[in-house]
């Protein structure tokens, strides 16, 4: 029923840009928001950004603020993560997640209901 499918990952040089997409199959109008998280080897899962499906709710981690932009296209049930000025520290497996019945955006992964399989982003120095 519900499936989150990330795409757009790849290899990019430091200072470059990349846009990730997350297609939310099975989305309904009562879904609240979407988030992006990342996981690097030997590190804990890290919150990146979140966006509400309606209104102007946006939330960014301090580590990506000013470099990454999260956006959505409701007609396509798709959320995007535009990443600019990438650095090797951004190398990770990037996941999108759905927060179905929240009242505010959250950086806490345990509050999200569905997760995609991830797309790999590798930044070379």
Protein backbone atom coordinates (compact mmCIF):
# COMPACT_ATOMS: atom_id res chain seq x y z
CA UNK A 1 0.00 0.00 0.00
CA UNK A 2 2.42 2.67 1.23
CA UNK A 3 5.81 2.84 -0.43
CA UNK A 4 8.46 5.54 -0.27
CA UNK A 5 10.97 5.42 -3.11
CA UNK A 6 14.08 7.59 -3.06
CA UNK A 7 16.09 8.40 -6.16
CA UNK A 8 18.71 10.84 -7.37
CA UNK A 9 21.70 9.73 -5.36
CA UNK A 10 25.12 9.36 -6.89
CA UNK A 11 28.73 10.43 -6.88
CA UNK A 12 29.51 14.13 -6.91
CA UNK A 13 32.62 16.22 -6.31
CA UNK A 14 32.95 18.49 -3.30
CA UNK A 15 31.23 21.79 -3.96
CA UNK A 16 28.77 20.21 -6.35
CA UNK A 17 25.00 19.82 -6.22
CA UNK A 18 22.53 16.97 -6.26
CA UNK A 19 18.74 16.69 -6.06
CA UNK A 20 17.08 13.77 -4.32
CA UNK A 21 13.46 12.76 -4.91
CA UNK A 22 11.07 10.76 -2.76
CA UNK A 23 7.89 9.44 -4.37
CA UNK A 24 5.21 8.65 -1.79
CA UNK A 25 2.96 5.99 -3.24
CA UNK A 26 -0.29 5.59 -1.34
CA UNK A 27 -0.29 9.09 0.12
CA UNK A 28 -3.65 10.43 1.30
CA UNK A 29 -4.78 13.95 2.13
CA UNK A 30 -4.50 13.34 5.87
CA UNK A 31 -0.72 12.80 5.75
CA UNK A 32 1.03 15.51 7.75
CA UNK A 33 4.62 15.75 6.59
CA UNK A 34 7.81 14.22 5.22
CA UNK A 35 11.37 14.16 6.43
CA UNK A 36 14.83 13.38 5.12
CA UNK A 37 17.35 11.51 7.27
CA UNK A 38 20.84 10.21 6.55
CA UNK A 39 23.03 7.40 7.85
CA UNK A 40 26.79 7.17 7.47
CA UNK A 41 28.89 4.12 8.45
CA UNK A 42 29.73 4.15 12.15
CA UNK A 43 27.37 7.03 12.87
CA UNK A 44 23.87 7.39 14.24
CA UNK A 45 20.94 8.24 12.02
CA UNK A 46 20.81 12.01 11.55
CA UNK A 47 17.89 14.29 10.79
CA UNK A 48 18.32 16.46 7.70
CA UNK A 49 15.10 18.32 6.88
CA UNK A 50 11.31 18.09 7.04
CA UNK A 51 8.34 19.69 5.31
CA UNK A 52 4.59 19.72 5.86
CA UNK A 53 2.26 18.75 3.01
CA UNK A 54 0.15 21.84 3.64
CA UNK A 55 1.08 25.29 4.83
CA UNK A 56 4.63 26.56 5.11
CA UNK A 57 6.15 24.29 7.72
CA UNK A 58 9.90 23.73 7.22
CA UNK A 59 12.58 22.33 9.50
CA UNK A 60 16.33 21.98 8.87
CA UNK A 61 19.24 20.54 10.77
CA UNK A 62 21.90 23.11 11.61
CA UNK A 63 24.47 21.12 9.64
CA UNK A 64 22.63 21.62 6.35
CA UNK A 65 20.87 24.95 6.86
CA UNK A 66 21.70 27.33 4.03
CA UNK A 67 22.95 24.52 1.78
CA UNK A 68 19.99 22.15 1.45
CA UNK A 69 16.42 23.02 0.42
CA UNK A 70 13.46 20.71 0.95
CA UNK A 71 10.41 21.14 -1.27
CA UNK A 72 7.33 19.24 -2.43
CA UNK A 73 5.03 18.72 -5.39
CA UNK A 74 1.67 17.63 -4.04
CA UNK A 75 0.30 16.76 -7.48
CA UNK A 76 3.10 14.20 -7.84
CA UNK A 77 3.11 13.05 -4.20
CA UNK A 78 6.82 13.77 -4.26
CA UNK A 79 9.26 15.49 -1.91
CA UNK A 80 12.65 16.79 -3.00
CA UNK A 81 15.94 17.60 -1.33
CA UNK A 82 18.10 20.02 -3.27
CA UNK A 83 21.66 19.76 -1.96
CA UNK A 84 24.26 22.40 -2.79
CA UNK A 85 27.87 23.03 -1.80
CA UNK A 86 28.26 19.38 -0.90
CA UNK A 87 31.16 18.24 1.26
CA UNK A 88 32.61 14.78 2.00
CA UNK A 89 30.90 14.93 5.41
CA UNK A 90 27.56 14.75 3.56
CA UNK A 91 28.37 11.26 2.29
CA UNK A 92 25.65 8.92 3.58
CA UNK A 93 22.65 6.82 2.72
CA UNK A 94 19.73 9.25 2.54
CA UNK A 95 16.26 8.12 3.59
CA UNK A 96 12.88 9.77 3.28
CA UNK A 97 10.21 9.16 5.89
CA UNK A 98 6.51 9.92 6.32
CA UNK A 99 4.94 11.38 9.46
CA UNK A 100 1.27 10.67 8.97
CA UNK A 101 -0.64 12.12 11.92
CA UNK A 102 1.55 14.73 13.57
CA UNK A 103 0.69 18.29 14.59
CA UNK A 104 4.17 19.74 14.05
CA UNK A 105 7.39 18.85 12.26
CA UNK A 106 9.87 16.74 14.19
CA UNK A 107 13.58 15.87 13.88
CA UNK A 108 13.03 12.62 15.81
CA UNK A 109 13.08 9.54 13.62
CA UNK A 110 10.97 7.47 16.00
CA UNK A 111 8.01 9.76 15.36
CA UNK A 112 7.87 8.83 11.66
CA UNK A 113 5.66 6.04 10.40
CA UNK A 114 7.09 4.86 7.06
CA UNK A 115 10.59 4.76 5.61
CA UNK A 116 12.11 4.30 2.20
CA UNK A 117 15.06 2.08 1.34
CA UNK A 118 17.47 4.97 0.89
CA UNK A 119 19.61 6.40 -1.88
CA UNK A 120 23.39 6.65 -1.63
CA UNK A 121 25.12 10.03 -1.84
CA UNK A 122 28.89 10.02 -2.11
CA UNK A 123 30.89 13.26 -2.15
CA UNK A 124 34.50 13.03 -3.27
CA UNK A 125 37.20 15.42 -2.10
